[in-house]
């Protein structure tokens, strides 16, 4: 079976994955919310350049022990984290090569433009969205305007005492 590409991401109630100026202080850190069992199945993380730069600002590299691929339109870039490469190749090409190899799940970390590119190319298999009970009023949208229409089938839902709701979907096949 082909390796699956899963978007596992947090969003505000009004659909932003980061607040104005990349603000992430609104994200809950009071629980695991299913992250640990998810991360155990992942062997490669895929992210855009701005998401990578945000990850670099963390006290510790958040993707330790996993291969990381950074998509950038600026060409090959200097990389400052372990097991990480940068590419300006099309996501479909890179993900196709990854799926042809043995391995664990592929995690699409973000950001919005890479999510759009992957949705437009029908590359994403599963979507898990953790909706935080906060309205940001602006920032980086989960799904940028102009993204291809994509049908989803709900596969699971969880509510947490914090008010966070997590929804899991399978991406439905398209007719073309």
Protein backbone atom coordinates (compact mmCIF):
# COMPACT_ATOMS: atom_id res chain seq x y z
CA UNK A 1 0.00 0.00 0.00
CA UNK A 2 1.16 3.49 -0.82
CA UNK A 3 2.30 5.77 1.99
CA UNK A 4 -0.41 8.22 3.03
CA UNK A 5 -0.06 11.98 3.19
CA UNK A 6 -1.89 13.41 6.18
CA UNK A 7 -2.54 17.04 7.01
CA UNK A 8 -2.54 17.16 10.83
CA UNK A 9 -2.99 20.78 11.81
CA UNK A 10 -4.47 23.20 14.34
CA UNK A 11 -6.74 26.08 13.43
CA UNK A 12 -8.69 28.81 15.14
CA UNK A 13 -12.47 28.74 14.95
CA UNK A 14 -12.30 31.38 12.21
CA UNK A 15 -9.91 29.25 10.14
CA UNK A 16 -6.41 30.60 10.77
CA UNK A 17 -3.35 28.41 11.37
CA UNK A 18 -1.37 31.41 12.62
CA UNK A 19 -2.50 34.78 13.85
CA UNK A 20 -1.30 38.14 12.56
CA UNK A 21 2.51 38.29 12.17
CA UNK A 22 2.74 34.48 12.56
CA UNK A 23 1.42 34.52 16.15
CA UNK A 24 1.06 31.01 17.61
CA UNK A 25 0.56 31.96 21.27
CA UNK A 26 -3.13 30.99 21.02
CA UNK A 27 -2.33 27.29 20.55
CA UNK A 28 -3.14 25.08 23.54
CA UNK A 29 -0.23 23.35 25.22
CA UNK A 30 -2.20 21.77 28.07
CA UNK A 31 -2.60 18.34 26.50
CA UNK A 32 -1.38 15.95 23.84
CA UNK A 33 -4.61 15.92 21.77
CA UNK A 34 -3.56 12.70 20.03
CA UNK A 35 -0.25 14.09 18.80
CA UNK A 36 2.03 11.41 20.30
CA UNK A 37 0.38 8.36 18.68
CA UNK A 38 0.12 10.28 15.42
CA UNK A 39 3.79 11.30 15.49
CA UNK A 40 4.90 7.72 16.17
CA UNK A 41 3.54 6.71 12.72
CA UNK A 42 5.28 9.58 10.87
CA UNK A 43 8.72 9.25 9.32
CA UNK A 44 8.77 12.30 7.02
CA UNK A 45 7.45 15.82 7.60
CA UNK A 46 6.76 18.25 4.77
CA UNK A 47 6.49 22.00 5.28
CA UNK A 48 6.74 25.35 3.59
CA UNK A 49 9.58 27.78 4.15
CA UNK A 50 7.74 30.06 6.61
CA UNK A 51 6.60 27.07 8.67
CA UNK A 52 10.21 25.85 8.70
CA UNK A 53 11.47 29.22 9.88
CA UNK A 54 8.86 29.21 12.66
CA UNK A 55 9.96 25.71 13.70
CA UNK A 56 13.58 26.88 13.86
CA UNK A 57 12.57 29.50 16.43
CA UNK A 58 11.47 26.77 18.88
CA UNK A 59 13.76 26.00 21.82
CA UNK A 60 14.26 22.48 20.39
CA UNK A 61 13.83 21.22 16.82
CA UNK A 62 10.23 19.90 16.94
CA UNK A 63 10.74 17.16 14.34
CA UNK A 64 13.65 15.30 15.92
CA UNK A 65 14.11 11.80 14.59
CA UNK A 66 12.14 12.49 11.41
CA UNK A 67 13.21 13.39 7.91
CA UNK A 68 12.04 16.92 7.01
CA UNK A 69 11.49 18.40 3.56
CA UNK A 70 11.12 22.16 3.20
CA UNK A 71 9.38 23.41 0.07
CA UNK A 72 10.54 26.82 -1.09
CA UNK A 73 10.17 28.82 -4.29
CA UNK A 74 13.51 30.50 -3.60
CA UNK A 75 15.56 27.48 -4.66
CA UNK A 76 17.80 25.38 -2.48
CA UNK A 77 18.37 27.07 0.88
CA UNK A 78 20.77 26.73 3.75
CA UNK A 79 19.32 24.32 6.29
CA UNK A 80 19.96 24.60 10.00
CA UNK A 81 18.23 21.47 11.32
CA UNK A 82 19.10 17.76 11.32
CA UNK A 83 17.78 15.37 8.64
CA UNK A 84 16.32 18.27 6.65
CA UNK A 85 16.51 19.16 2.96
CA UNK A 86 15.09 22.09 1.01
CA UNK A 87 13.58 21.78 -2.44
CA UNK A 88 11.97 23.97 -5.06
CA UNK A 89 10.58 20.91 -6.88
CA UNK A 90 6.83 20.45 -7.24
CA UNK A 91 5.12 18.75 -4.28
CA UNK A 92 3.58 16.14 -6.62
CA UNK A 93 7.03 15.07 -7.81
CA UNK A 94 8.56 14.85 -4.33
CA UNK A 95 5.55 13.15 -2.73
CA UNK A 96 5.34 10.69 -5.64
CA UNK A 97 8.95 9.66 -4.99
CA UNK A 98 8.32 9.34 -1.25
CA UNK A 99 5.25 7.18 -1.82
CA UNK A 100 7.27 4.84 -4.03
CA UNK A 101 9.58 4.05 -1.08
CA UNK A 102 8.90 1.98 2.00
CA UNK A 103 8.24 3.94 5.15
CA UNK A 104 5.78 5.46 7.54
CA UNK A 105 3.23 8.18 7.13
CA UNK A 106 3.99 11.50 5.46
CA UNK A 107 2.93 14.53 7.52
CA UNK A 108 2.00 17.75 5.80
CA UNK A 109 2.77 20.21 8.61
CA UNK A 110 1.83 23.41 6.72
CA UNK A 111 1.68 26.23 5.80
CA UNK A 112 -1.26 27.44 3.86
CA UNK A 113 0.33 27.75 0.42
CA UNK A 114 1.78 24.23 0.57
CA UNK A 115 -1.60 22.90 1.77
CA UNK A 116 -3.21 24.63 -1.22
CA UNK A 117 -0.67 23.15 -3.64
CA UNK A 118 -1.20 19.66 -2.24
CA UNK A 119 -4.99 19.95 -2.30
CA UNK A 120 -4.92 21.34 -5.84
CA UNK A 121 -2.77 18.38 -6.94
CA UNK A 122 -5.03 15.89 -5.05
CA UNK A 123 -2.09 14.63 -2.98
CA UNK A 124 -3.63 14.67 0.52
CA UNK A 125 -5.22 11.43 1.75
CA UNK A 126 -6.36 12.42 5.25
CA UNK A 127 -7.03 15.63 7.15
CA UNK A 128 -7.05 15.96 10.95
CA UNK A 129 -7.97 19.43 12.14
CA UNK A 130 -7.82 20.50 15.79
CA UNK A 131 -10.13 23.48 16.15
CA UNK A 132 -9.12 25.73 19.04
CA UNK A 133 -11.97 27.72 20.61
CA UNK A 134 -10.53 31.11 19.77
CA UNK A 135 -11.27 33.70 17.09
CA UNK A 136 -8.14 35.41 15.77
CA UNK A 137 -9.72 37.80 13.28
CA UNK A 138 -6.85 37.46 10.82
CA UNK A 139 -3.59 35.73 10.03
CA UNK A 140 -2.60 32.80 7.84
CA UNK A 141 -5.67 30.96 6.56
CA UNK A 142 -5.90 27.18 6.87
CA UNK A 143 -7.12 27.00 3.28
CA UNK A 144 -6.12 29.92 1.02
CA UNK A 145 -8.66 31.44 -1.36
CA UNK A 146 -8.73 29.77 -4.75
CA UNK A 147 -7.98 26.27 -3.48
CA UNK A 148 -9.52 23.47 -5.50
CA UNK A 149 -12.87 22.19 -4.21
CA UNK A 150 -12.23 18.99 -2.25
CA UNK A 151 -14.82 16.58 -0.84
CA UNK A 152 -14.12 15.08 2.59
CA UNK A 153 -15.70 12.17 4.49
CA UNK A 154 -15.77 12.45 8.28
CA UNK A 155 -14.03 9.46 9.88
CA UNK A 156 -13.76 10.55 13.53
CA UNK A 157 -14.52 13.37 15.95
CA UNK A 158 -13.30 14.08 19.46
CA UNK A 159 -14.16 16.74 22.02
CA UNK A 160 -11.80 17.72 24.77
CA UNK A 161 -12.59 19.40 28.13
CA UNK A 162 -10.57 22.44 26.99
CA UNK A 163 -13.16 23.08 24.28
CA UNK A 164 -10.86 21.92 21.50
CA UNK A 165 -12.64 19.80 18.88
CA UNK A 166 -10.69 17.45 16.62
CA UNK A 167 -12.16 16.31 13.32
CA UNK A 168 -10.67 13.60 11.10
CA UNK A 169 -11.53 13.26 7.42
CA UNK A 170 -10.62 11.06 4.49
CA UNK A 171 -10.23 12.96 1.22
CA UNK A 172 -12.75 11.65 -1.28
CA UNK A 173 -11.60 10.67 -4.79
CA UNK A 174 -12.25 13.28 -7.45
CA UNK A 175 -13.84 12.81 -10.85
CA UNK A 176 -11.02 14.56 -12.59
